[in-house]
Amino acid sequence: WPYVEDAARIALATLDRGRAGKKYLAAGGPDDVLSLAGFCNLGCAAAGVAHRVRDVPLAELTSDIGPMRAMAEASYPTPLIDPKRTNDELGITLMPVRAGVEKTVAWLREQHRI
């Protein structure tokens, strides 16, 4: 869940300082790994909205979710992401996801979108 300015900074830093053939993560650290429900709930909290959503366990799904089922059933490494090499090589520290969500909500308020 990278903040948009961080994603742009990484893209530009990759052009300036990146090494050919290397991949760079535009993602926060291991503490920023959230499910979609977790991310939505951060937004609700930042906006002062009481509503919360929850992750639905695969066993509770009654509808066909197509190819997403394979993704949901897969196992992933822990931590899922580690931006250390990106941060070290490009000299960038990313904003924590909570701070990015709070900035986004503030901007949405300024734009009268919420």
Protein backbone atom coordinates (compact mmCIF):
# COMPACT_ATOMS: atom_id res chain seq x y z
CA TRP A 1 0.00 0.00 0.00
CA PRO A 2 2.46 2.70 -1.08
CA TYR A 3 1.55 6.34 -0.75
CA VAL A 4 1.35 7.89 -4.22
CA GLU A 5 4.22 10.34 -3.63
CA ASP A 6 6.44 7.45 -2.46
CA ALA A 7 5.62 5.44 -5.59
CA ALA A 8 6.54 8.45 -7.74
CA ARG A 9 9.78 9.04 -5.79
CA ILE A 10 10.80 5.41 -6.24
CA ALA A 11 10.07 5.55 -9.98
CA LEU A 12 12.20 8.68 -10.37
CA ALA A 13 14.99 7.40 -8.10
CA THR A 14 15.05 4.16 -10.09
CA LEU A 15 15.63 6.14 -13.27
CA ASP A 16 18.40 8.16 -11.60
CA ARG A 17 20.13 5.62 -9.34
CA GLY A 18 18.65 2.20 -10.08
CA ARG A 19 20.71 -0.65 -11.49
CA ALA A 20 19.79 -2.20 -14.83
CA GLY A 21 17.83 -5.41 -14.46
CA LYS A 22 16.96 -4.86 -10.80
CA LYS A 23 13.44 -4.62 -9.40
CA TYR A 24 12.53 -2.08 -6.76
CA LEU A 25 9.56 -2.31 -4.39
CA ALA A 26 7.17 0.60 -4.07
CA ALA A 27 5.82 -0.77 -0.82
CA GLY A 28 6.12 -0.10 2.86
CA GLY A 29 7.81 -2.32 5.37
CA PRO A 30 6.70 -5.61 6.89
CA ASP A 31 4.54 -3.76 9.43
CA ASP A 32 2.57 -2.23 6.57
CA VAL A 33 1.30 -5.54 5.17
CA LEU A 34 -2.48 -5.42 5.49
CA SER A 35 -5.41 -7.26 4.03
CA LEU A 36 -7.86 -5.29 1.93
CA ALA A 37 -10.21 -5.17 4.91
CA GLY A 38 -7.39 -3.91 7.14
CA PHE A 39 -6.55 -1.19 4.66
CA CYS A 40 -10.20 -0.14 4.33
CA ASN A 41 -10.53 -0.03 8.11
CA LEU A 42 -7.52 2.28 8.36
CA GLY A 43 -9.30 4.61 5.96
CA CYS A 44 -12.53 4.42 7.95
CA ALA A 45 -10.66 5.20 11.18
CA ALA A 46 -8.78 8.12 9.60
CA ALA A 47 -12.05 9.51 8.26
CA GLY A 48 -13.81 9.13 11.60
CA VAL A 49 -16.25 6.59 10.19
CA ALA A 50 -17.46 3.96 12.68
CA HIS A 51 -18.16 1.30 10.03
CA ARG A 52 -15.64 -1.53 9.69
CA VAL A 53 -15.30 -4.41 7.25
CA ARG A 54 -13.80 -7.84 7.84
CA ASP A 55 -11.86 -10.41 5.90
CA VAL A 56 -14.01 -13.32 4.83
CA PRO A 57 -12.37 -16.71 5.39
CA LEU A 58 -12.29 -18.89 2.29
CA ALA A 59 -14.46 -21.49 4.00
CA GLU A 60 -17.28 -18.93 4.32
CA LEU A 61 -17.37 -18.02 0.63
CA THR A 62 -20.46 -19.33 -1.08
CA SER A 63 -19.90 -17.74 -4.49
CA ASP A 64 -17.35 -18.50 -7.18
CA ILE A 65 -14.42 -16.10 -6.99
CA GLY A 66 -12.76 -17.48 -10.11
CA PRO A 67 -8.97 -17.22 -10.35
CA MET A 68 -8.82 -15.29 -7.09
CA ARG A 69 -9.38 -18.59 -5.27
CA ALA A 70 -5.88 -19.80 -6.19
CA MET A 71 -4.39 -16.57 -4.82
CA ALA A 72 -6.43 -16.86 -1.63
CA GLU A 73 -5.37 -20.49 -1.10
CA ALA A 74 -1.66 -19.84 -1.75
CA SER A 75 0.86 -19.48 1.03
CA TYR A 76 3.17 -16.49 1.05
CA PRO A 77 6.53 -15.78 2.70
CA THR A 78 6.79 -13.88 5.96
CA PRO A 79 7.49 -11.04 5.80
CA LEU A 80 5.66 -10.70 2.51
CA ILE A 81 7.73 -7.68 1.53
CA ASP A 82 11.10 -6.34 2.54
CA PRO A 83 11.93 -2.96 1.02
CA LYS A 84 15.40 -2.78 2.63
CA ARG A 85 17.33 -3.17 -0.65
CA THR A 86 15.10 -0.62 -2.38
CA ASN A 87 15.52 1.83 0.48
CA ASP A 88 19.28 1.27 0.71
CA GLU A 89 20.05 1.40 -3.01
CA LEU A 90 17.77 4.31 -3.84
CA GLY A 91 18.18 6.21 -0.58
CA ILE A 92 14.45 6.38 0.06
CA THR A 93 12.45 5.85 3.22
CA LEU A 94 8.78 5.21 2.62
CA MET A 95 5.92 6.66 4.59
CA PRO A 96 4.18 4.15 6.88
CA VAL A 97 0.83 3.05 5.47
CA ARG A 98 -1.17 4.60 8.33
CA ALA A 99 0.43 8.02 7.71
CA GLY A 100 -0.24 7.71 3.97
CA VAL A 101 -3.90 6.88 4.57
CA GLU A 102 -4.22 9.82 6.96
CA LYS A 103 -2.68 12.18 4.37
CA THR A 104 -5.00 10.82 1.70
CA VAL A 105 -8.08 11.29 3.88
CA ALA A 106 -6.97 14.85 4.69
CA TRP A 107 -6.58 15.57 0.96
CA LEU A 108 -9.99 14.05 0.22
CA ARG A 109 -11.50 16.35 2.85
CA GLU A 110 -9.77 19.39 1.31
CA GLN A 111 -11.26 18.40 -2.05
CA HIS A 112 -14.72 18.01 -0.45
CA ARG A 113 -14.82 14.35 -1.47
CA ILE A 114 -15.61 13.17 2.06
